[in-house]
Amino acid sequence: MSDLGLSAVKAYGGVAQTIGNLGGSKEAQGAGGPDFGAMLNSAVGTVTKAGNAAEGAVTNAAMGKGDLVDVVTAVAAAQATLETVIAVRDEVIKAYQEIMRMPI
């Protein structure tokens, strides 16, 4: 697998693991399940970290300290992370719309 593909897989796995680990213990979840705010905050933090890594790689390349392959890899990883978070957001919106359509 290419470096680009491997980075994208790692980025997706990182977001999936972050979202999966947010549930915590059964005692911490209570009756309502995992805290949605904490899950959202963690997902945004993951996207921010990936974006910052991509920006750092671009800056290093512009200064002549980095390699173009590193830039492409970092940008692809950030894109994969962002696309994963967007997909989760879309599913949450769909679930909300479905709940709103339920009869009272």
PDB file of N, CA and C in Angstrom:
ATOM      1  N   MET A   1       0.853  -1.172   0.000  1.00  0.00           N
ATOM      2  CA  MET A   1       0.000   0.000   0.000  1.00  0.00           C
ATOM      3  C   MET A   1       0.898   1.233   0.000  1.00  0.00           C
ATOM      4  N   SER A   2       0.524   2.256  -0.719  1.00  0.00           N
ATOM      5  CA  SER A   2       1.328   3.471  -0.796  1.00  0.00           C
ATOM      6  C   SER A   2       1.278   4.231   0.525  1.00  0.00           C
ATOM      7  N   ASP A   3       2.221   5.170   0.679  1.00  0.00           N
ATOM      8  CA  ASP A   3       2.233   5.999   1.879  1.00  0.00           C
ATOM      9  C   ASP A   3       0.945   6.790   2.010  1.00  0.00           C
ATOM     10  N   LEU A   4       0.436   7.262   0.893  1.00  0.00           N
ATOM     11  CA  LEU A   4      -0.793   8.045   0.892  1.00  0.00           C
ATOM     12  C   LEU A   4      -1.963   7.194   1.395  1.00  0.00           C
ATOM     13  N   GLY A   5      -2.072   5.992   0.866  1.00  0.00           N
ATOM     14  CA  GLY A   5      -3.159   5.105   1.289  1.00  0.00           C
ATOM     15  C   GLY A   5      -3.025   4.707   2.742  1.00  0.00           C
ATOM     16  N   LEU A   6      -1.805   4.458   3.176  1.00  0.00           N
ATOM     17  CA  LEU A   6      -1.553   4.082   4.561  1.00  0.00           C
ATOM     18  C   LEU A   6      -1.909   5.230   5.501  1.00  0.00           C
ATOM     19  N   SER A   7      -1.553   6.443   5.124  1.00  0.00           N
ATOM     20  CA  SER A   7      -1.885   7.603   5.948  1.00  0.00           C
ATOM     21  C   SER A   7      -3.386   7.808   6.035  1.00  0.00           C
ATOM     22  N   ALA A   8      -4.070   7.621   4.933  1.00  0.00           N
ATOM     23  CA  ALA A   8      -5.524   7.767   4.937  1.00  0.00           C
ATOM     24  C   ALA A   8      -6.169   6.712   5.837  1.00  0.00           C
ATOM     25  N   VAL A   9      -5.671   5.495   5.775  1.00  0.00           N
ATOM     26  CA  VAL A   9      -6.196   4.422   6.631  1.00  0.00           C
ATOM     27  C   VAL A   9      -5.932   4.747   8.096  1.00  0.00           C
ATOM     28  N   LYS A  10      -4.731   5.255   8.396  1.00  0.00           N
ATOM     29  CA  LYS A  10      -4.405   5.620   9.779  1.00  0.00           C
ATOM     30  C   LYS A  10      -5.302   6.752  10.264  1.00  0.00           C
ATOM     31  N   ALA A  11      -5.555   7.740   9.411  1.00  0.00           N
ATOM     32  CA  ALA A  11      -6.412   8.852   9.792  1.00  0.00           C
ATOM     33  C   ALA A  11      -7.830   8.365  10.073  1.00  0.00           C
ATOM     34  N   TYR A  12      -8.355   7.528   9.196  1.00  0.00           N
ATOM     35  CA  TYR A  12      -9.700   6.993   9.398  1.00  0.00           C
ATOM     36  C   TYR A  12      -9.753   6.162  10.678  1.00  0.00           C
ATOM     37  N   GLY A  13      -8.729   5.330  10.881  1.00  0.00           N
ATOM     38  CA  GLY A  13      -8.680   4.501  12.083  1.00  0.00           C
ATOM     39  C   GLY A  13      -8.596   5.337  13.341  1.00  0.00           C
ATOM     40  N   GLY A  14      -7.852   6.446  13.271  1.00  0.00           N
ATOM     41  CA  GLY A  14      -7.740   7.322  14.433  1.00  0.00           C
ATOM     42  C   GLY A  14      -9.070   7.943  14.809  1.00  0.00           C
ATOM     43  N   VAL A  15      -9.807   8.401  13.817  1.00  0.00           N
ATOM     44  CA  VAL A  15     -11.122   8.991  14.097  1.00  0.00           C
ATOM     45  C   VAL A  15     -12.084   7.920  14.596  1.00  0.00           C
ATOM     46  N   ALA A  16     -12.062   6.763  13.973  1.00  0.00           N
ATOM     47  CA  ALA A  16     -12.951   5.684  14.404  1.00  0.00           C
ATOM     48  C   ALA A  16     -12.635   5.261  15.834  1.00  0.00           C
ATOM     49  N   GLN A  17     -11.354   5.194  16.166  1.00  0.00           N
ATOM     50  CA  GLN A  17     -10.959   4.817  17.521  1.00  0.00           C
ATOM     51  C   GLN A  17     -11.366   5.901  18.512  1.00  0.00           C
ATOM     52  N   THR A  18     -11.185   7.154  18.137  1.00  0.00           N
ATOM     53  CA  THR A  18     -11.566   8.257  19.016  1.00  0.00           C
ATOM     54  C   THR A  18     -13.059   8.220  19.294  1.00  0.00           C
ATOM     55  N   ILE A  19     -13.840   8.034  18.255  1.00  0.00           N
ATOM     56  CA  ILE A  19     -15.286   7.987  18.433  1.00  0.00           C
ATOM     57  C   ILE A  19     -15.681   6.748  19.232  1.00  0.00           C
ATOM     58  N   GLY A  20     -15.027   5.631  18.989  1.00  0.00           N
ATOM     59  CA  GLY A  20     -15.323   4.406  19.723  1.00  0.00           C
ATOM     60  C   GLY A  20     -14.941   4.479  21.186  1.00  0.00           C
ATOM     61  N   ASN A  21     -13.882   5.204  21.517  1.00  0.00           N
ATOM     62  CA  ASN A  21     -13.415   5.301  22.898  1.00  0.00           C
ATOM     63  C   ASN A  21     -14.185   6.321  23.711  1.00  0.00           C
ATOM     64  N   LEU A  22     -15.023   7.091  23.094  1.00  0.00           N
ATOM     65  CA  LEU A  22     -15.735   8.129  23.819  1.00  0.00           C
ATOM     66  C   LEU A  22     -16.818   7.575  24.726  1.00  0.00           C
ATOM     67  N   GLY A  23     -17.219   6.345  24.494  1.00  0.00           N
ATOM     68  CA  GLY A  23     -18.267   5.764  25.319  1.00  0.00           C
ATOM     69  C   GLY A  23     -17.867   5.634  26.766  1.00  0.00           C
ATOM     70  N   GLY A  24     -16.598   5.364  27.039  1.00  0.00           N
ATOM     71  CA  GLY A  24     -16.136   5.232  28.410  1.00  0.00           C
ATOM     72  C   GLY A  24     -16.721   4.005  29.064  1.00  0.00           C
ATOM     73  N   SER A  25     -16.734   4.016  30.384  1.00  0.00           N
ATOM     74  CA  SER A  25     -17.253   2.879  31.131  1.00  0.00           C
ATOM     75  C   SER A  25     -18.771   2.952  31.206  1.00  0.00           C
ATOM     76  N   LYS A  26     -19.385   1.856  31.559  1.00  0.00           N
ATOM     77  CA  LYS A  26     -20.843   1.816  31.667  1.00  0.00           C
ATOM     78  C   LYS A  26     -21.330   2.758  32.761  1.00  0.00           C
ATOM     79  N   GLU A  27     -20.548   2.886  33.858  1.00  0.00           N
ATOM     80  CA  GLU A  27     -20.946   3.774  34.939  1.00  0.00           C
ATOM     81  C   GLU A  27     -20.934   5.221  34.485  1.00  0.00           C
ATOM     82  N   ALA A  28     -19.946   5.591  33.667  1.00  0.00           N
ATOM     83  CA  ALA A  28     -19.831   6.973  33.212  1.00  0.00           C
ATOM     84  C   ALA A  28     -20.925   7.314  32.202  1.00  0.00           C
ATOM     85  N   GLN A  29     -21.393   6.317  31.452  1.00  0.00           N
ATOM     86  CA  GLN A  29     -22.397   6.590  30.429  1.00  0.00           C
ATOM     87  C   GLN A  29     -23.754   6.891  31.032  1.00  0.00           C
ATOM     88  N   GLY A  30     -24.122   6.202  32.078  1.00  0.00           N
ATOM     89  CA  GLY A  30     -25.441   6.392  32.650  1.00  0.00           C
ATOM     90  C   GLY A  30     -26.501   5.886  31.688  1.00  0.00           C
ATOM     91  N   ALA A  31     -27.719   6.371  31.879  1.00  0.00           N
ATOM     92  CA  ALA A  31     -28.828   5.905  31.052  1.00  0.00           C
ATOM     93  C   ALA A  31     -28.815   6.560  29.676  1.00  0.00           C
ATOM     94  N   GLY A  32     -28.196   7.740  29.551  1.00  0.00           N
ATOM     95  CA  GLY A  32     -28.240   8.485  28.305  1.00  0.00           C
ATOM     96  C   GLY A  32     -27.176   8.101  27.310  1.00  0.00           C
ATOM     97  N   GLY A  33     -26.246   7.246  27.646  1.00  0.00           N
ATOM     98  CA  GLY A  33     -25.178   6.868  26.731  1.00  0.00           C
ATOM     99  C   GLY A  33     -24.030   7.856  26.814  1.00  0.00           C
ATOM    100  N   PRO A  34     -23.124   7.786  25.859  1.00  0.00           N
ATOM    101  CA  PRO A  34     -21.954   8.671  25.900  1.00  0.00           C
ATOM    102  C   PRO A  34     -22.354  10.133  25.693  1.00  0.00           C
ATOM    103  N   ASP A  35     -21.567  11.023  26.244  1.00  0.00           N
ATOM    104  CA  ASP A  35     -21.831  12.453  26.142  1.00  0.00           C
ATOM    105  C   ASP A  35     -21.585  12.924  24.714  1.00  0.00           C
ATOM    106  N   PHE A  36     -22.611  13.433  24.069  1.00  0.00           N
ATOM    107  CA  PHE A  36     -22.499  13.863  22.676  1.00  0.00           C
ATOM    108  C   PHE A  36     -21.550  15.042  22.540  1.00  0.00           C
ATOM    109  N   GLY A  37     -21.577  15.933  23.501  1.00  0.00           N
ATOM    110  CA  GLY A  37     -20.684  17.087  23.462  1.00  0.00           C
ATOM    111  C   GLY A  37     -19.226  16.676  23.497  1.00  0.00           C
ATOM    112  N   ALA A  38     -18.906  15.689  24.331  1.00  0.00           N
ATOM    113  CA  ALA A  38     -17.529  15.203  24.415  1.00  0.00           C
ATOM    114  C   ALA A  38     -17.120  14.524  23.115  1.00  0.00           C
ATOM    115  N   MET A  39     -18.044  13.781  22.520  1.00  0.00           N
ATOM    116  CA  MET A  39     -17.749  13.126  21.249  1.00  0.00           C
ATOM    117  C   MET A  39     -17.500  14.160  20.158  1.00  0.00           C
ATOM    118  N   LEU A  40     -18.321  15.178  20.110  1.00  0.00           N
ATOM    119  CA  LEU A  40     -18.168  16.232  19.116  1.00  0.00           C
ATOM    120  C   LEU A  40     -16.861  16.990  19.330  1.00  0.00           C
ATOM    121  N   ASN A  41     -16.542  17.305  20.572  1.00  0.00           N
ATOM    122  CA  ASN A  41     -15.316  18.009  20.894  1.00  0.00           C
ATOM    123  C   ASN A  41     -14.090  17.191  20.487  1.00  0.00           C
ATOM    124  N   SER A  42     -14.124  15.905  20.733  1.00  0.00           N
ATOM    125  CA  SER A  42     -13.009  15.038  20.366  1.00  0.00           C
ATOM    126  C   SER A  42     -12.845  14.945  18.848  1.00  0.00           C
ATOM    127  N   ALA A  43     -13.954  14.845  18.146  1.00  0.00           N
ATOM    128  CA  ALA A  43     -13.886  14.757  16.686  1.00  0.00           C
ATOM    129  C   ALA A  43     -13.324  16.041  16.083  1.00  0.00           C
ATOM    130  N   VAL A  44     -13.758  17.176  16.605  1.00  0.00           N
ATOM    131  CA  VAL A  44     -13.243  18.456  16.109  1.00  0.00           C
ATOM    132  C   VAL A  44     -11.759  18.584  16.444  1.00  0.00           C
ATOM    133  N   GLY A  45     -11.368  18.111  17.622  1.00  0.00           N
ATOM    134  CA  GLY A  45      -9.954  18.137  17.997  1.00  0.00           C
ATOM    135  C   GLY A  45      -9.106  17.287  17.072  1.00  0.00           C
ATOM    136  N   THR A  46      -9.625  16.139  16.670  1.00  0.00           N
ATOM    137  CA  THR A  46      -8.901  15.263  15.757  1.00  0.00           C
ATOM    138  C   THR A  46      -8.731  15.930  14.392  1.00  0.00           C
ATOM    139  N   VAL A  47      -9.776  16.579  13.913  1.00  0.00           N
ATOM    140  CA  VAL A  47      -9.698  17.275  12.630  1.00  0.00           C
ATOM    141  C   VAL A  47      -8.701  18.431  12.723  1.00  0.00           C
ATOM    142  N   THR A  48      -8.722  19.132  13.835  1.00  0.00           N
ATOM    143  CA  THR A  48      -7.809  20.254  14.026  1.00  0.00           C
ATOM    144  C   THR A  48      -6.355  19.785  14.024  1.00  0.00           C
ATOM    145  N   LYS A  49      -6.083  18.688  14.716  1.00  0.00           N
ATOM    146  CA  LYS A  49      -4.716  18.146  14.753  1.00  0.00           C
ATOM    147  C   LYS A  49      -4.253  17.752  13.354  1.00  0.00           C
ATOM    148  N   ALA A  50      -5.118  17.106  12.598  1.00  0.00           N
ATOM    149  CA  ALA A  50      -4.752  16.697  11.239  1.00  0.00           C
ATOM    150  C   ALA A  50      -4.521  17.915  10.355  1.00  0.00           C
ATOM    151  N   GLY A  51      -5.352  18.929  10.503  1.00  0.00           N
ATOM    152  CA  GLY A  51      -5.181  20.159   9.730  1.00  0.00           C
ATOM    153  C   GLY A  51      -3.889  20.873  10.086  1.00  0.00           C
ATOM    154  N   ASN A  52      -3.568  20.907  11.371  1.00  0.00           N
ATOM    155  CA  ASN A  52      -2.325  21.536  11.807  1.00  0.00           C
ATOM    156  C   ASN A  52      -1.107  20.786  11.272  1.00  0.00           C
ATOM    157  N   ALA A  53      -1.186  19.465  11.248  1.00  0.00           N
ATOM    158  CA  ALA A  53      -0.074  18.677  10.701  1.00  0.00           C
ATOM    159  C   ALA A  53       0.106  18.968   9.213  1.00  0.00           C
ATOM    160  N   ALA A  54      -1.011  19.096   8.499  1.00  0.00           N
ATOM    161  CA  ALA A  54      -0.932  19.407   7.067  1.00  0.00           C
ATOM    162  C   ALA A  54      -0.341  20.802   6.859  1.00  0.00           C
ATOM    163  N   GLU A  55      -0.765  21.765   7.666  1.00  0.00           N
ATOM    164  CA  GLU A  55      -0.227  23.120   7.555  1.00  0.00           C
ATOM    165  C   GLU A  55       1.267  23.144   7.846  1.00  0.00           C
ATOM    166  N   GLY A  56       1.677  22.378   8.850  1.00  0.00           N
ATOM    167  CA  GLY A  56       3.106  22.303   9.180  1.00  0.00           C
ATOM    168  C   GLY A  56       3.912  21.719   8.037  1.00  0.00           C
ATOM    169  N   ALA A  57       3.377  20.696   7.398  1.00  0.00           N
ATOM    170  CA  ALA A  57       4.073  20.072   6.267  1.00  0.00           C
ATOM    171  C   ALA A  57       4.173  21.040   5.098  1.00  0.00           C
ATOM    172  N   VAL A  58       3.109  21.791   4.843  1.00  0.00           N
ATOM    173  CA  VAL A  58       3.126  22.775   3.750  1.00  0.00           C
ATOM    174  C   VAL A  58       4.148  23.862   4.058  1.00  0.00           C
ATOM    175  N   THR A  59       4.170  24.330   5.295  1.00  0.00           N
ATOM    176  CA  THR A  59       5.129  25.368   5.689  1.00  0.00           C
ATOM    177  C   THR A  59       6.562  24.876   5.532  1.00  0.00           C
ATOM    178  N   ASN A  60       6.822  23.640   5.977  1.00  0.00           N
ATOM    179  CA  ASN A  60       8.169  23.080   5.839  1.00  0.00           C
ATOM    180  C   ASN A  60       8.573  22.959   4.372  1.00  0.00           C
ATOM    181  N   ALA A  61       7.648  22.553   3.540  1.00  0.00           N
ATOM    182  CA  ALA A  61       7.958  22.417   2.111  1.00  0.00           C
ATOM    183  C   ALA A  61       8.221  23.786   1.487  1.00  0.00           C
ATOM    184  N   ALA A  62       7.444  24.792   1.901  1.00  0.00           N
ATOM    185  CA  ALA A  62       7.639  26.135   1.350  1.00  0.00           C
ATOM    186  C   ALA A  62       8.987  26.714   1.754  1.00  0.00           C
ATOM    187  N   MET A  63       9.471  26.313   2.926  1.00  0.00           N
ATOM    188  CA  MET A  63      10.757  26.802   3.415  1.00  0.00           C
ATOM    189  C   MET A  63      11.918  25.955   2.904  1.00  0.00           C
ATOM    190  N   GLY A  64      11.600  24.918   2.153  1.00  0.00           N
ATOM    191  CA  GLY A  64      12.637  24.054   1.609  1.00  0.00           C
ATOM    192  C   GLY A  64      13.116  22.984   2.568  1.00  0.00           C
ATOM    193  N   LYS A  65      12.429  22.833   3.692  1.00  0.00           N
ATOM    194  CA  LYS A  65      12.835  21.851   4.697  1.00  0.00           C
ATOM    195  C   LYS A  65      12.098  20.527   4.568  1.00  0.00           C
ATOM    196  N   GLY A  66      11.016  20.515   3.824  1.00  0.00           N
ATOM    197  CA  GLY A  66      10.195  19.323   3.736  1.00  0.00           C
ATOM    198  C   GLY A  66      10.158  18.758   2.334  1.00  0.00           C
ATOM    199  N   ASP A  67       9.528  17.615   2.235  1.00  0.00           N
ATOM    200  CA  ASP A  67       9.398  16.915   0.963  1.00  0.00           C
ATOM    201  C   ASP A  67       7.952  17.036   0.487  1.00  0.00           C
ATOM    202  N   LEU A  68       7.764  17.106  -0.800  1.00  0.00           N
ATOM    203  CA  LEU A  68       6.426  17.224  -1.368  1.00  0.00           C
ATOM    204  C   LEU A  68       5.570  16.003  -1.027  1.00  0.00           C
ATOM    205  N   VAL A  69       6.187  14.850  -0.931  1.00  0.00           N
ATOM    206  CA  VAL A  69       5.454  13.629  -0.581  1.00  0.00           C
ATOM    207  C   VAL A  69       4.867  13.765   0.821  1.00  0.00           C
ATOM    208  N   ASP A  70       5.623  14.367   1.745  1.00  0.00           N
ATOM    209  CA  ASP A  70       5.119  14.573   3.105  1.00  0.00           C
ATOM    210  C   ASP A  70       3.913  15.510   3.105  1.00  0.00           C
ATOM    211  N   VAL A  71       3.964  16.518   2.253  1.00  0.00           N
ATOM    212  CA  VAL A  71       2.852  17.467   2.153  1.00  0.00           C
ATOM    213  C   VAL A  71       1.603  16.756   1.653  1.00  0.00           C
ATOM    214  N   VAL A  72       1.753  16.009   0.592  1.00  0.00           N
ATOM    215  CA  VAL A  72       0.605  15.306   0.013  1.00  0.00           C
ATOM    216  C   VAL A  72       0.037  14.297   1.013  1.00  0.00           C
ATOM    217  N   THR A  73       0.910  13.612   1.711  1.00  0.00           N
ATOM    218  CA  THR A  73       0.467  12.625   2.702  1.00  0.00           C
ATOM    219  C   THR A  73      -0.290  13.295   3.840  1.00  0.00           C
ATOM    220  N   ALA A  74       0.241  14.393   4.351  1.00  0.00           N
ATOM    221  CA  ALA A  74      -0.417  15.092   5.457  1.00  0.00           C
ATOM    222  C   ALA A  74      -1.760  15.675   5.026  1.00  0.00           C
ATOM    223  N   VAL A  75      -1.817  16.235   3.836  1.00  0.00           N
ATOM    224  CA  VAL A  75      -3.078  16.803   3.342  1.00  0.00           C
ATOM    225  C   VAL A  75      -4.112  15.694   3.116  1.00  0.00           C
ATOM    226  N   ALA A  76      -3.673  14.566   2.584  1.00  0.00           N
ATOM    227  CA  ALA A  76      -4.600  13.445   2.371  1.00  0.00           C
ATOM    228  C   ALA A  76      -5.117  12.902   3.701  1.00  0.00           C
ATOM    229  N   ALA A  77      -4.248  12.838   4.698  1.00  0.00           N
ATOM    230  CA  ALA A  77      -4.679  12.368   6.023  1.00  0.00           C
ATOM    231  C   ALA A  77      -5.693  13.335   6.621  1.00  0.00           C
ATOM    232  N   ALA A  78      -5.445  14.631   6.486  1.00  0.00           N
ATOM    233  CA  ALA A  78      -6.395  15.627   6.995  1.00  0.00           C
ATOM    234  C   ALA A  78      -7.721  15.528   6.257  1.00  0.00           C
ATOM    235  N   GLN A  79      -7.656  15.313   4.952  1.00  0.00           N
ATOM    236  CA  GLN A  79      -8.882  15.192   4.159  1.00  0.00           C
ATOM    237  C   GLN A  79      -9.673  13.954   4.575  1.00  0.00           C
ATOM    238  N   ALA A  80      -8.988  12.842   4.778  1.00  0.00           N
ATOM    239  CA  ALA A  80      -9.677  11.617   5.189  1.00  0.00           C
ATOM    240  C   ALA A  80     -10.328  11.788   6.556  1.00  0.00           C
ATOM    241  N   THR A  81      -9.634  12.460   7.459  1.00  0.00           N
ATOM    242  CA  THR A  81     -10.196  12.711   8.786  1.00  0.00           C
ATOM    243  C   THR A  81     -11.424  13.594   8.693  1.00  0.00           C
ATOM    244  N   LEU A  82     -11.330  14.655   7.924  1.00  0.00           N
ATOM    245  CA  LEU A  82     -12.460  15.571   7.765  1.00  0.00           C
ATOM    246  C   LEU A  82     -13.650  14.870   7.110  1.00  0.00           C
ATOM    247  N   GLU A  83     -13.394  14.057   6.092  1.00  0.00           N
ATOM    248  CA  GLU A  83     -14.482  13.336   5.428  1.00  0.00           C
ATOM    249  C   GLU A  83     -15.165  12.362   6.379  1.00  0.00           C
ATOM    250  N   THR A  84     -14.395  11.743   7.270  1.00  0.00           N
ATOM    251  CA  THR A  84     -14.984  10.825   8.242  1.00  0.00           C
ATOM    252  C   THR A  84     -15.890  11.576   9.203  1.00  0.00           C
ATOM    253  N   VAL A  85     -15.424  12.709   9.691  1.00  0.00           N
ATOM    254  CA  VAL A  85     -16.238  13.505  10.612  1.00  0.00           C
ATOM    255  C   VAL A  85     -17.489  14.016   9.910  1.00  0.00           C
ATOM    256  N   ILE A  86     -17.370  14.408   8.667  1.00  0.00           N
ATOM    257  CA  ILE A  86     -18.537  14.873   7.912  1.00  0.00           C
ATOM    258  C   ILE A  86     -19.534  13.740   7.724  1.00  0.00           C
ATOM    259  N   ALA A  87     -19.045  12.541   7.459  1.00  0.00           N
ATOM    260  CA  ALA A  87     -19.947  11.394   7.304  1.00  0.00           C
ATOM    261  C   ALA A  87     -20.693  11.104   8.603  1.00  0.00           C
ATOM    262  N   VAL A  88     -19.991  11.205   9.721  1.00  0.00           N
ATOM    263  CA  VAL A  88     -20.647  10.994  11.017  1.00  0.00           C
ATOM    264  C   VAL A  88     -21.687  12.087  11.258  1.00  0.00           C
ATOM    265  N   ARG A  89     -21.326  13.329  10.935  1.00  0.00           N
ATOM    266  CA  ARG A  89     -22.264  14.440  11.090  1.00  0.00           C
ATOM    267  C   ARG A  89     -23.525  14.208  10.260  1.00  0.00           C
ATOM    268  N   ASP A  90     -23.349  13.760   9.027  1.00  0.00           N
ATOM    269  CA  ASP A  90     -24.493  13.506   8.156  1.00  0.00           C
ATOM    270  C   ASP A  90     -25.409  12.433   8.734  1.00  0.00           C
ATOM    271  N   GLU A  91     -24.805  11.403   9.316  1.00  0.00           N
ATOM    272  CA  GLU A  91     -25.616  10.337   9.910  1.00  0.00           C
ATOM    273  C   GLU A  91     -26.361  10.837  11.142  1.00  0.00           C
ATOM    274  N   VAL A  92     -25.741  11.702  11.921  1.00  0.00           N
ATOM    275  CA  VAL A  92     -26.422  12.274  13.084  1.00  0.00           C
ATOM    276  C   VAL A  92     -27.595  13.129  12.630  1.00  0.00           C
ATOM    277  N   ILE A  93     -27.403  13.909  11.585  1.00  0.00           N
ATOM    278  CA  ILE A  93     -28.488  14.737  11.061  1.00  0.00           C
ATOM    279  C   ILE A  93     -29.623  13.862  10.547  1.00  0.00           C
ATOM    280  N   LYS A  94     -29.284  12.787   9.837  1.00  0.00           N
ATOM    281  CA  LYS A  94     -30.326  11.878   9.348  1.00  0.00           C
ATOM    282  C   LYS A  94     -31.112  11.280  10.509  1.00  0.00           C
ATOM    283  N   ALA A  95     -30.403  10.879  11.571  1.00  0.00           N
ATOM    284  CA  ALA A  95     -31.077  10.294  12.734  1.00  0.00           C
ATOM    285  C   ALA A  95     -31.996  11.317  13.393  1.00  0.00           C
ATOM    286  N   TYR A  96     -31.530  12.543  13.519  1.00  0.00           N
ATOM    287  CA  TYR A  96     -32.340  13.605  14.105  1.00  0.00           C
ATOM    288  C   TYR A  96     -33.598  13.844  13.262  1.00  0.00           C
ATOM    289  N   GLN A  97     -33.437  13.906  11.946  1.00  0.00           N
ATOM    290  CA  GLN A  97     -34.591  14.131  11.067  1.00  0.00           C
ATOM    291  C   GLN A  97     -35.579  12.976  11.166  1.00  0.00           C
ATOM    292  N   GLU A  98     -35.059  11.768  11.288  1.00  0.00           N
ATOM    293  CA  GLU A  98     -35.937  10.607  11.427  1.00  0.00           C
ATOM    294  C   GLU A  98     -36.720  10.676  12.738  1.00  0.00           C
ATOM    295  N   ILE A  99     -36.055  11.082  13.797  1.00  0.00           N
ATOM    296  CA  ILE A  99     -36.740  11.213  15.093  1.00  0.00           C
ATOM    297  C   ILE A  99     -37.827  12.288  15.013  1.00  0.00           C
ATOM    298  N   MET A 100     -37.520  13.379  14.317  1.00  0.00           N
ATOM    299  CA  MET A 100     -38.494  14.467  14.211  1.00  0.00           C
ATOM    300  C   MET A 100     -39.712  14.056  13.383  1.00  0.00           C
ATOM    301  N   ARG A 101     -39.565  13.085  12.509  1.00  0.00           N
ATOM    302  CA  ARG A 101     -40.674  12.615  11.677  1.00  0.00           C
ATOM    303  C   ARG A 101     -41.563  11.600  12.425  1.00  0.00           C
ATOM    304  N   MET A 102     -41.118  11.120  13.562  1.00  0.00           N
ATOM    305  CA  MET A 102     -41.898  10.128  14.308  1.00  0.00           C
ATOM    306  C   MET A 102     -43.181  10.761  14.843  1.00  0.00           C
ATOM    307  N   PRO A 103     -44.268   9.993  14.781  1.00  0.00           N
ATOM    308  CA  PRO A 103     -45.520  10.545  15.325  1.00  0.00           C
ATOM    309  C   PRO A 103     -45.461  10.605  16.859  1.00  0.00           C
ATOM    310  N   ILE A 104     -46.171  11.573  17.392  1.00  0.00           N
ATOM    311  CA  ILE A 104     -46.168  11.761  18.857  1.00  0.00           C
ATOM    312  C   ILE A 104     -47.111  10.800  19.515  1.00  0.00           C
TER     313      ILE A 104
END
